C-alpha atoms as a PDB file:
ATOM      1  CA  UNK A   1     -10.231   7.330  -4.617  1.00  0.00           C
ATOM      2  CA  UNK A   2     -11.979  10.527  -3.344  1.00  0.00           C
ATOM      3  CA  UNK A   3     -14.507  10.743  -0.517  1.00  0.00           C
ATOM      4  CA  UNK A   4     -15.345   7.473   0.831  1.00  0.00           C
ATOM      5  CA  UNK A   5     -18.308   6.477   2.971  1.00  0.00           C
ATOM      6  CA  UNK A   6     -18.771   2.801   3.446  1.00  0.00           C
ATOM      7  CA  UNK A   7     -19.900   0.677   6.471  1.00  0.00           C
ATOM      8  CA  UNK A   8     -16.658  -1.161   6.422  1.00  0.00           C
ATOM      9  CA  UNK A   9     -14.583   1.922   7.409  1.00  0.00           C
ATOM     10  CA  UNK A  10     -16.789   3.258  10.108  1.00  0.00           C
ATOM     11  CA  UNK A  11     -15.263   6.608  11.328  1.00  0.00           C
ATOM     12  CA  UNK A  12     -12.140   6.286   9.133  1.00  0.00           C
ATOM     13  CA  UNK A  13     -13.481   8.476   6.466  1.00  0.00           C
ATOM     14  CA  UNK A  14     -11.305   9.776   3.568  1.00  0.00           C
ATOM     15  CA  UNK A  15     -12.532  13.377   2.859  1.00  0.00           C
ATOM     16  CA  UNK A  16     -11.002  16.752   2.259  1.00  0.00           C
ATOM     17  CA  UNK A  17      -7.313  17.284   2.327  1.00  0.00           C
ATOM     18  CA  UNK A  18      -6.693  15.236   5.462  1.00  0.00           C
ATOM     19  CA  UNK A  19      -3.961  15.828   7.946  1.00  0.00           C
ATOM     20  CA  UNK A  20      -1.056  17.895   6.551  1.00  0.00           C
ATOM     21  CA  UNK A  21       2.378  16.220   6.151  1.00  0.00           C
ATOM     22  CA  UNK A  22       4.035  18.714   8.670  1.00  0.00           C
ATOM     23  CA  UNK A  23       1.879  17.574  11.505  1.00  0.00           C
ATOM     24  CA  UNK A  24       3.064  14.037  11.042  1.00  0.00           C
ATOM     25  CA  UNK A  25       6.734  15.079  10.721  1.00  0.00           C
ATOM     26  CA  UNK A  26       6.501  17.207  13.931  1.00  0.00           C
ATOM     27  CA  UNK A  27       4.759  14.249  15.788  1.00  0.00           C
ATOM     28  CA  UNK A  28       7.242  11.661  14.830  1.00  0.00           C
ATOM     29  CA  UNK A  29      10.114  14.207  15.772  1.00  0.00           C
ATOM     30  CA  UNK A  30       8.466  14.587  19.249  1.00  0.00           C
ATOM     31  CA  UNK A  31       7.445  10.880  19.588  1.00  0.00           C
ATOM     32  CA  UNK A  32       9.744   9.000  17.339  1.00  0.00           C
ATOM     33  CA  UNK A  33       8.905   5.401  16.428  1.00  0.00           C
ATOM     34  CA  UNK A  34      11.436   2.539  16.656  1.00  0.00           C
ATOM     35  CA  UNK A  35      13.261   1.733  13.570  1.00  0.00           C
ATOM     36  CA  UNK A  36      12.456  -1.332  11.477  1.00  0.00           C
ATOM     37  CA  UNK A  37      15.123  -3.956  12.005  1.00  0.00           C
ATOM     38  CA  UNK A  38      15.560  -5.902   8.730  1.00  0.00           C
ATOM     39  CA  UNK A  39      18.236  -8.293   9.735  1.00  0.00           C
ATOM     40  CA  UNK A  40      15.930 -11.282   9.972  1.00  0.00           C
ATOM     41  CA  UNK A  41      14.188 -10.552   6.568  1.00  0.00           C
ATOM     42  CA  UNK A  42      17.486 -11.195   4.641  1.00  0.00           C
ATOM     43  CA  UNK A  43      17.008 -13.700   1.918  1.00  0.00           C
ATOM     44  CA  UNK A  44      13.303 -14.158   2.529  1.00  0.00           C
ATOM     45  CA  UNK A  45      10.434 -14.439   0.130  1.00  0.00           C
ATOM     46  CA  UNK A  46       8.252 -11.419   0.675  1.00  0.00           C
ATOM     47  CA  UNK A  47       4.631 -11.337  -0.699  1.00  0.00           C
ATOM     48  CA  UNK A  48       3.298  -7.856  -0.963  1.00  0.00           C
ATOM     49  CA  UNK A  49      -0.483  -7.853  -1.332  1.00  0.00           C
ATOM     50  CA  UNK A  50      -1.610  -4.569  -2.945  1.00  0.00           C
ATOM     51  CA  UNK A  51      -5.577  -3.765  -3.215  1.00  0.00           C
ATOM     52  CA  UNK A  52      -4.844  -1.730  -6.460  1.00  0.00           C
ATOM     53  CA  UNK A  53      -1.957  -1.272  -8.742  1.00  0.00           C
ATOM     54  CA  UNK A  54       0.150   1.569  -7.191  1.00  0.00           C
ATOM     55  CA  UNK A  55      -0.525   0.684  -3.479  1.00  0.00           C
ATOM     56  CA  UNK A  56       2.619  -1.481  -3.295  1.00  0.00           C
ATOM     57  CA  UNK A  57       4.769   1.504  -4.407  1.00  0.00           C
ATOM     58  CA  UNK A  58       2.819   4.094  -2.410  1.00  0.00           C
ATOM     59  CA  UNK A  59       3.098   2.214   0.704  1.00  0.00           C
ATOM     60  CA  UNK A  60       6.335   0.204   0.274  1.00  0.00           C
ATOM     61  CA  UNK A  61       8.452   1.893  -2.378  1.00  0.00           C
ATOM     62  CA  UNK A  62      11.334   2.543  -0.008  1.00  0.00           C
ATOM     63  CA  UNK A  63      11.221  -0.792   1.800  1.00  0.00           C
ATOM     64  CA  UNK A  64      11.124  -2.817  -1.473  1.00  0.00           C
ATOM     65  CA  UNK A  65      14.416  -1.175  -2.505  1.00  0.00           C
ATOM     66  CA  UNK A  66      15.932  -2.397   0.711  1.00  0.00           C
ATOM     67  CA  UNK A  67      14.413  -5.794   0.643  1.00  0.00           C
ATOM     68  CA  UNK A  68      16.195  -6.305  -2.739  1.00  0.00           C
ATOM     69  CA  UNK A  69      19.498  -5.316  -1.189  1.00  0.00           C
ATOM     70  CA  UNK A  70      18.745  -7.897   1.491  1.00  0.00           C
ATOM     71  CA  UNK A  71      18.514 -10.520  -1.098  1.00  0.00           C
ATOM     72  CA  UNK A  72      14.733 -10.913  -0.746  1.00  0.00           C
ATOM     73  CA  UNK A  73      12.657 -12.157  -3.655  1.00  0.00           C
ATOM     74  CA  UNK A  74       9.480 -10.017  -3.943  1.00  0.00           C
ATOM     75  CA  UNK A  75       6.100 -11.419  -5.052  1.00  0.00           C
ATOM     76  CA  UNK A  76       3.826  -8.555  -5.801  1.00  0.00           C
ATOM     77  CA  UNK A  77      -0.050  -9.351  -5.807  1.00  0.00           C
ATOM     78  CA  UNK A  78      -2.338  -6.917  -7.313  1.00  0.00           C
ATOM     79  CA  UNK A  79      -5.830  -7.958  -6.029  1.00  0.00           C
ATOM     80  CA  UNK A  80      -7.606  -5.700  -8.545  1.00  0.00           C
ATOM     81  CA  UNK A  81      -6.686  -3.594 -11.573  1.00  0.00           C
ATOM     82  CA  UNK A  82      -8.236  -0.434 -10.153  1.00  0.00           C
ATOM     83  CA  UNK A  83     -10.585  -0.164 -13.083  1.00  0.00           C
ATOM     84  CA  UNK A  84     -13.141   1.864 -11.092  1.00  0.00           C
ATOM     85  CA  UNK A  85     -10.923   4.867 -10.244  1.00  0.00           C
ATOM     86  CA  UNK A  86     -12.517   7.223 -12.874  1.00  0.00           C
ATOM     87  CA  UNK A  87     -16.289   6.795 -12.926  1.00  0.00           C
ATOM     88  CA  UNK A  88     -17.945   8.203 -16.116  1.00  0.00           C
ATOM     89  CA  UNK A  89     -14.706   9.129 -17.664  1.00  0.00           C
ATOM     90  CA  UNK A  90     -14.021   9.150 -21.309  1.00  0.00           C
ATOM     91  CA  UNK A  91     -10.298   9.774 -20.759  1.00  0.00           C
ATOM     92  CA  UNK A  92      -9.951   6.584 -18.667  1.00  0.00           C
ATOM     93  CA  UNK A  93     -12.609   3.966 -19.237  1.00  0.00           C
ATOM     94  CA  UNK A  94     -12.474   0.810 -17.218  1.00  0.00           C
ATOM     95  CA  UNK A  95     -11.075  -1.162 -20.289  1.00  0.00           C
ATOM     96  CA  UNK A  96      -8.421   1.475 -20.557  1.00  0.00           C
ATOM     97  CA  UNK A  97      -7.525   1.329 -16.956  1.00  0.00           C
ATOM     98  CA  UNK A  98      -7.374  -2.394 -16.955  1.00  0.00           C
ATOM     99  CA  UNK A  99      -4.492  -1.987 -19.421  1.00  0.00           C
ATOM    100  CA  UNK A 100      -2.937   1.279 -18.124  1.00  0.00           C
ATOM    101  CA  UNK A 101      -2.770   0.681 -14.349  1.00  0.00           C
ATOM    102  CA  UNK A 102      -0.564  -2.465 -14.619  1.00  0.00           C
ATOM    103  CA  UNK A 103       1.635  -0.767 -17.146  1.00  0.00           C
ATOM    104  CA  UNK A 104       2.025   2.103 -14.665  1.00  0.00           C
ATOM    105  CA  UNK A 105       3.034  -0.300 -11.845  1.00  0.00           C
ATOM    106  CA  UNK A 106       5.578  -1.988 -14.110  1.00  0.00           C
ATOM    107  CA  UNK A 107       7.164   1.454 -14.937  1.00  0.00           C
ATOM    108  CA  UNK A 108       7.188   2.331 -11.306  1.00  0.00           C
ATOM    109  CA  UNK A 109       8.903  -0.913 -10.288  1.00  0.00           C
ATOM    110  CA  UNK A 110      11.554  -0.187 -12.948  1.00  0.00           C
ATOM    111  CA  UNK A 111      12.037   3.272 -11.431  1.00  0.00           C
ATOM    112  CA  UNK A 112      12.505   1.625  -8.052  1.00  0.00           C
ATOM    113  CA  UNK A 113      15.042  -0.803  -9.554  1.00  0.00           C
ATOM    114  CA  UNK A 114      13.299  -3.877  -8.260  1.00  0.00           C
ATOM    115  CA  UNK A 115      11.632  -5.378 -11.460  1.00  0.00           C
ATOM    116  CA  UNK A 116      14.619  -7.929 -11.754  1.00  0.00           C
ATOM    117  CA  UNK A 117      14.003  -9.266  -8.251  1.00  0.00           C
ATOM    118  CA  UNK A 118      10.248  -9.399  -8.281  1.00  0.00           C
ATOM    119  CA  UNK A 119       7.311 -11.097  -9.886  1.00  0.00           C
ATOM    120  CA  UNK A 120       3.931  -9.723 -10.267  1.00  0.00           C
ATOM    121  CA  UNK A 121       0.557 -11.484 -10.084  1.00  0.00           C
ATOM    122  CA  UNK A 122      -2.692  -9.988 -11.007  1.00  0.00           C
ATOM    123  CA  UNK A 123      -5.852 -11.485  -9.415  1.00  0.00           C
ATOM    124  CA  UNK A 124      -8.276  -9.277 -11.319  1.00  0.00           C
ATOM    125  CA  UNK A 125     -10.883  -9.023  -8.498  1.00  0.00           C
ATOM    126  CA  UNK A 126     -13.436  -6.324  -8.877  1.00  0.00           C
ATOM    127  CA  UNK A 127     -12.272  -2.897  -7.961  1.00  0.00           C
ATOM    128  CA  UNK A 128     -14.477  -1.527  -5.160  1.00  0.00           C
ATOM    129  CA  UNK A 129     -16.038  -4.841  -4.327  1.00  0.00           C
ATOM    130  CA  UNK A 130     -13.097  -6.767  -2.797  1.00  0.00           C
ATOM    131  CA  UNK A 131     -15.071  -7.072   0.568  1.00  0.00           C
ATOM    132  CA  UNK A 132     -17.507  -9.388  -1.224  1.00  0.00           C
ATOM    133  CA  UNK A 133     -14.771 -11.431  -2.945  1.00  0.00           C
ATOM    134  CA  UNK A 134     -12.538 -12.103  -0.009  1.00  0.00           C
ATOM    135  CA  UNK A 135     -13.051 -15.860  -0.424  1.00  0.00           C
ATOM    136  CA  UNK A 136     -11.388 -15.599  -3.836  1.00  0.00           C
ATOM    137  CA  UNK A 137      -8.520 -13.734  -2.365  1.00  0.00           C
ATOM    138  CA  UNK A 138      -8.045 -16.315   0.197  1.00  0.00           C
ATOM    139  CA  UNK A 139      -8.115 -19.126  -2.492  1.00  0.00           C
ATOM    140  CA  UNK A 140      -5.383 -17.207  -4.386  1.00  0.00           C
ATOM    141  CA  UNK A 141      -3.302 -16.768  -1.338  1.00  0.00           C
ATOM    142  CA  UNK A 142      -3.384 -20.379  -0.785  1.00  0.00           C
ATOM    143  CA  UNK A 143      -1.986 -20.976  -4.242  1.00  0.00           C
ATOM    144  CA  UNK A 144       0.654 -18.287  -3.986  1.00  0.00           C
ATOM    145  CA  UNK A 145       1.988 -18.129  -0.547  1.00  0.00           C
ATOM    146  CA  UNK A 146       4.688 -20.637   0.622  1.00  0.00           C
ATOM    147  CA  UNK A 147       5.743 -21.641   4.042  1.00  0.00           C
ATOM    148  CA  UNK A 148       8.088 -19.071   5.712  1.00  0.00           C
ATOM    149  CA  UNK A 149       6.784 -16.299   3.463  1.00  0.00           C
ATOM    150  CA  UNK A 150       6.605 -12.798   4.945  1.00  0.00           C
ATOM    151  CA  UNK A 151       3.342 -10.978   4.157  1.00  0.00           C
ATOM    152  CA  UNK A 152       2.891  -7.298   3.677  1.00  0.00           C
ATOM    153  CA  UNK A 153      -0.524  -5.824   2.926  1.00  0.00           C
ATOM    154  CA  UNK A 154      -2.601  -2.768   3.396  1.00  0.00           C
ATOM    155  CA  UNK A 155      -3.552  -1.885   6.988  1.00  0.00           C
ATOM    156  CA  UNK A 156      -6.743  -3.649   8.064  1.00  0.00           C
ATOM    157  CA  UNK A 157      -8.173  -0.291   9.260  1.00  0.00           C
ATOM    158  CA  UNK A 158      -6.763   1.940   6.539  1.00  0.00           C
ATOM    159  CA  UNK A 159     -10.041   3.789   5.770  1.00  0.00           C
ATOM    160  CA  UNK A 160     -10.460   2.601   2.179  1.00  0.00           C
ATOM    161  CA  UNK A 161     -12.897  -0.406   1.867  1.00  0.00           C
ATOM    162  CA  UNK A 162     -10.651  -2.364  -0.487  1.00  0.00           C
ATOM    163  CA  UNK A 163      -7.608  -1.715   1.603  1.00  0.00           C
ATOM    164  CA  UNK A 164      -9.441  -2.892   4.689  1.00  0.00           C
ATOM    165  CA  UNK A 165     -10.886  -5.918   3.095  1.00  0.00           C
ATOM    166  CA  UNK A 166      -7.440  -7.026   1.906  1.00  0.00           C
ATOM    167  CA  UNK A 167      -5.615  -6.374   5.118  1.00  0.00           C
ATOM    168  CA  UNK A 168      -8.229  -8.288   7.127  1.00  0.00           C
ATOM    169  CA  UNK A 169      -8.286 -11.164   4.732  1.00  0.00           C
ATOM    170  CA  UNK A 170      -4.387 -11.515   4.587  1.00  0.00           C
ATOM    171  CA  UNK A 171      -4.126 -10.987   8.330  1.00  0.00           C
ATOM    172  CA  UNK A 172      -6.622 -13.966   8.843  1.00  0.00           C
ATOM    173  CA  UNK A 173      -4.760 -16.020   6.251  1.00  0.00           C
ATOM    174  CA  UNK A 174      -1.483 -15.397   7.952  1.00  0.00           C
ATOM    175  CA  UNK A 175      -2.940 -16.280  11.315  1.00  0.00           C
ATOM    176  CA  UNK A 176      -4.197 -19.678  10.187  1.00  0.00           C
ATOM    177  CA  UNK A 177      -1.016 -20.518   8.514  1.00  0.00           C
ATOM    178  CA  UNK A 178       1.205 -19.119  11.279  1.00  0.00           C
ATOM    179  CA  UNK A 179       2.917 -16.657   8.979  1.00  0.00           C
ATOM    180  CA  UNK A 180       4.108 -13.157   9.723  1.00  0.00           C
ATOM    181  CA  UNK A 181       1.824 -10.390   8.448  1.00  0.00           C
ATOM    182  CA  UNK A 182       2.933  -6.781   8.352  1.00  0.00           C
ATOM    183  CA  UNK A 183       0.596  -3.919   7.566  1.00  0.00           C
ATOM    184  CA  UNK A 184       1.531  -0.757   5.878  1.00  0.00           C
ATOM    185  CA  UNK A 185      -0.225   2.623   6.365  1.00  0.00           C
ATOM    186  CA  UNK A 186      -1.514   4.397   3.203  1.00  0.00           C
ATOM    187  CA  UNK A 187      -4.789   6.234   3.574  1.00  0.00           C
ATOM    188  CA  UNK A 188      -4.548   6.189   7.356  1.00  0.00           C
ATOM    189  CA  UNK A 189      -2.210   9.162   6.904  1.00  0.00           C
ATOM    190  CA  UNK A 190      -5.114  11.073   5.518  1.00  0.00           C
ATOM    191  CA  UNK A 191      -7.976  10.490   8.064  1.00  0.00           C
ATOM    192  CA  UNK A 192      -5.900   9.846  11.145  1.00  0.00           C
ATOM    193  CA  UNK A 193      -4.224  12.535  13.505  1.00  0.00           C
ATOM    194  CA  UNK A 194      -0.819  12.194  15.130  1.00  0.00           C
ATOM    195  CA  UNK A 195      -1.083   9.751  18.061  1.00  0.00           C
ATOM    196  CA  UNK A 196      -4.593   8.862  16.937  1.00  0.00           C
ATOM    197  CA  UNK A 197      -6.030   6.262  19.319  1.00  0.00           C
ATOM    198  CA  UNK A 198      -7.610   4.439  16.511  1.00  0.00           C
ATOM    199  CA  UNK A 199      -4.200   3.208  15.415  1.00  0.00           C
ATOM    200  CA  UNK A 200      -2.250   0.892  17.771  1.00  0.00           C
ATOM    201  CA  UNK A 201       1.082   2.808  17.636  1.00  0.00           C
ATOM    202  CA  UNK A 202       2.801   0.254  20.049  1.00  0.00           C
ATOM    203  CA  UNK A 203       2.735  -2.205  17.047  1.00  0.00           C
ATOM    204  CA  UNK A 204       4.362   0.335  14.758  1.00  0.00           C
ATOM    205  CA  UNK A 205       7.957   0.630  13.367  1.00  0.00           C
ATOM    206  CA  UNK A 206       9.373   3.108  10.894  1.00  0.00           C
ATOM    207  CA  UNK A 207      11.557   2.344   7.827  1.00  0.00           C
ATOM    208  CA  UNK A 208      13.703   5.345   7.173  1.00  0.00           C
ATOM    209  CA  UNK A 209      14.462   5.719   3.598  1.00  0.00           C
ATOM    210  CA  UNK A 210      17.804   6.956   2.303  1.00  0.00           C
ATOM    211  CA  UNK A 211      17.868  10.066   0.165  1.00  0.00           C
ATOM    212  CA  UNK A 212      18.379   7.826  -2.834  1.00  0.00           C
ATOM    213  CA  UNK A 213      15.512   5.570  -2.014  1.00  0.00           C
ATOM    214  CA  UNK A 214      13.193   8.502  -1.405  1.00  0.00           C
ATOM    215  CA  UNK A 215      14.259   9.943  -4.832  1.00  0.00           C
ATOM    216  CA  UNK A 216      13.507   6.695  -6.543  1.00  0.00           C
ATOM    217  CA  UNK A 217      10.248   6.495  -4.903  1.00  0.00           C
ATOM    218  CA  UNK A 218       9.318   9.977  -6.075  1.00  0.00           C
ATOM    219  CA  UNK A 219      10.215   8.871  -9.593  1.00  0.00           C
ATOM    220  CA  UNK A 220       8.123   5.688  -9.264  1.00  0.00           C
ATOM    221  CA  UNK A 221       5.086   7.651  -7.994  1.00  0.00           C
ATOM    222  CA  UNK A 222       5.269   9.923 -10.988  1.00  0.00           C
ATOM    223  CA  UNK A 223       4.654   6.880 -13.227  1.00  0.00           C
ATOM    224  CA  UNK A 224       1.076   6.749 -12.092  1.00  0.00           C
ATOM    225  CA  UNK A 225      -0.295   9.165 -14.539  1.00  0.00           C
ATOM    226  CA  UNK A 226      -3.898   8.000 -14.236  1.00  0.00           C
ATOM    227  CA  UNK A 227      -3.859   8.686 -10.599  1.00  0.00           C
ATOM    228  CA  UNK A 228      -1.980  11.910 -10.331  1.00  0.00           C
ATOM    229  CA  UNK A 229      -3.346  13.869 -13.271  1.00  0.00           C
ATOM    230  CA  UNK A 230      -6.774  15.634 -13.392  1.00  0.00           C
ATOM    231  CA  UNK A 231      -9.494  14.124 -15.648  1.00  0.00           C
ATOM    232  CA  UNK A 232     -10.545  16.772 -18.141  1.00  0.00           C
ATOM    233  CA  UNK A 233     -13.470  14.633 -19.427  1.00  0.00           C
ATOM    234  CA  UNK A 234     -15.238  14.677 -16.137  1.00  0.00           C
ATOM    235  CA  UNK A 235     -13.747  17.918 -14.492  1.00  0.00           C
ATOM    236  CA  UNK A 236     -12.595  15.786 -11.516  1.00  0.00           C
ATOM    237  CA  UNK A 237      -9.290  16.590  -9.930  1.00  0.00           C
ATOM    238  CA  UNK A 238      -6.528  13.933  -9.547  1.00  0.00           C
ATOM    239  CA  UNK A 239      -7.372  10.766  -7.531  1.00  0.00           C
ATOM    240  CA  UNK A 240      -4.146  11.393  -5.611  1.00  0.00           C
ATOM    241  CA  UNK A 241      -3.943  15.029  -4.552  1.00  0.00           C
ATOM    242  CA  UNK A 242      -0.721  16.760  -4.111  1.00  0.00           C
ATOM    243  CA  UNK A 243      -1.165  16.701  -0.302  1.00  0.00           C
ATOM    244  CA  UNK A 244      -1.843  12.892  -0.471  1.00  0.00           C
ATOM    245  CA  UNK A 245       1.306  12.424  -2.467  1.00  0.00           C
ATOM    246  CA  UNK A 246       3.230  14.562  -0.141  1.00  0.00           C
ATOM    247  CA  UNK A 247       2.230  12.435   2.803  1.00  0.00           C
ATOM    248  CA  UNK A 248       3.066   9.174   1.025  1.00  0.00           C
ATOM    249  CA  UNK A 249       6.599  10.513   0.188  1.00  0.00           C
ATOM    250  CA  UNK A 250       7.586  11.193   3.802  1.00  0.00           C
ATOM    251  CA  UNK A 251      11.118  10.093   4.616  1.00  0.00           C
ATOM    252  CA  UNK A 252       9.894   6.956   6.282  1.00  0.00           C
ATOM    253  CA  UNK A 253       7.225   4.333   5.872  1.00  0.00           C
ATOM    254  CA  UNK A 254       5.321   2.922   8.850  1.00  0.00           C
ATOM    255  CA  UNK A 255       4.558  -0.718   9.407  1.00  0.00           C
ATOM    256  CA  UNK A 256       2.368  -2.397  12.004  1.00  0.00           C
ATOM    257  CA  UNK A 257       2.476  -5.927  13.199  1.00  0.00           C
ATOM    258  CA  UNK A 258       1.828  -8.286  16.148  1.00  0.00           C
ATOM    259  CA  UNK A 259       4.776 -10.120  14.986  1.00  0.00           C
ATOM    260  CA  UNK A 260       7.521  -7.495  15.408  1.00  0.00           C
ATOM    261  CA  UNK A 261       8.553  -8.940  18.731  1.00  0.00           C
ATOM    262  CA  UNK A 262       9.714 -12.149  17.428  1.00  0.00           C
ATOM    263  CA  UNK A 263      10.559 -11.425  13.697  1.00  0.00           C
ATOM    264  CA  UNK A 264      12.101  -7.943  13.501  1.00  0.00           C
END
């Protein structure tokens, strides 16, 4: 996804290597977040709305494993197929990515062990242009989402324009339909600093992964070859740098919601 400058993201710009993982670990050791209480999620239908194939795993790879144990049914919605991740590439053309990225997600979900308890829906909106197609996303949500569903999506201020468009659209949909909407941090780990005032940490709770869950998440992330390997045809480095992957493989995932007080 590289360096992003876009009017939607304002000062939440993804550039350079970002905040090192060790700074986040130190911050949460000093200022620990409350733990995520999953008791009231048991047997729920959980709809995870991912801007691109891989975001559901990068953001929720640990929680998804636990949700299956809680007898939840997962509906994973891929808003786009991430076909614009490699501009000018002859190694990964848009047509190739349209096939490869969903395949990588399927392999990743198998690595997590959640495939038999989930369904995947591809909306095929235009990668990089989701902000101009939010009406289509809203229409799709109206057809997919059922009463009492729990919605999980990218953070409305995550720093990537597609992530923010999805987060804001899902949040607005949930508000209209009086559904619980939970945001997961993905790119925010890159541009933000510990205790960054641009994030409302009072709405945050952490899900602590077990060692086994973290190991499975590592295996799942490794399935996204198009995102973690360099592109020799353009000379570009991997979309997901080693530092980005390291941050996304912290021993906990952080979720934000106005609804925690009465749902979790």
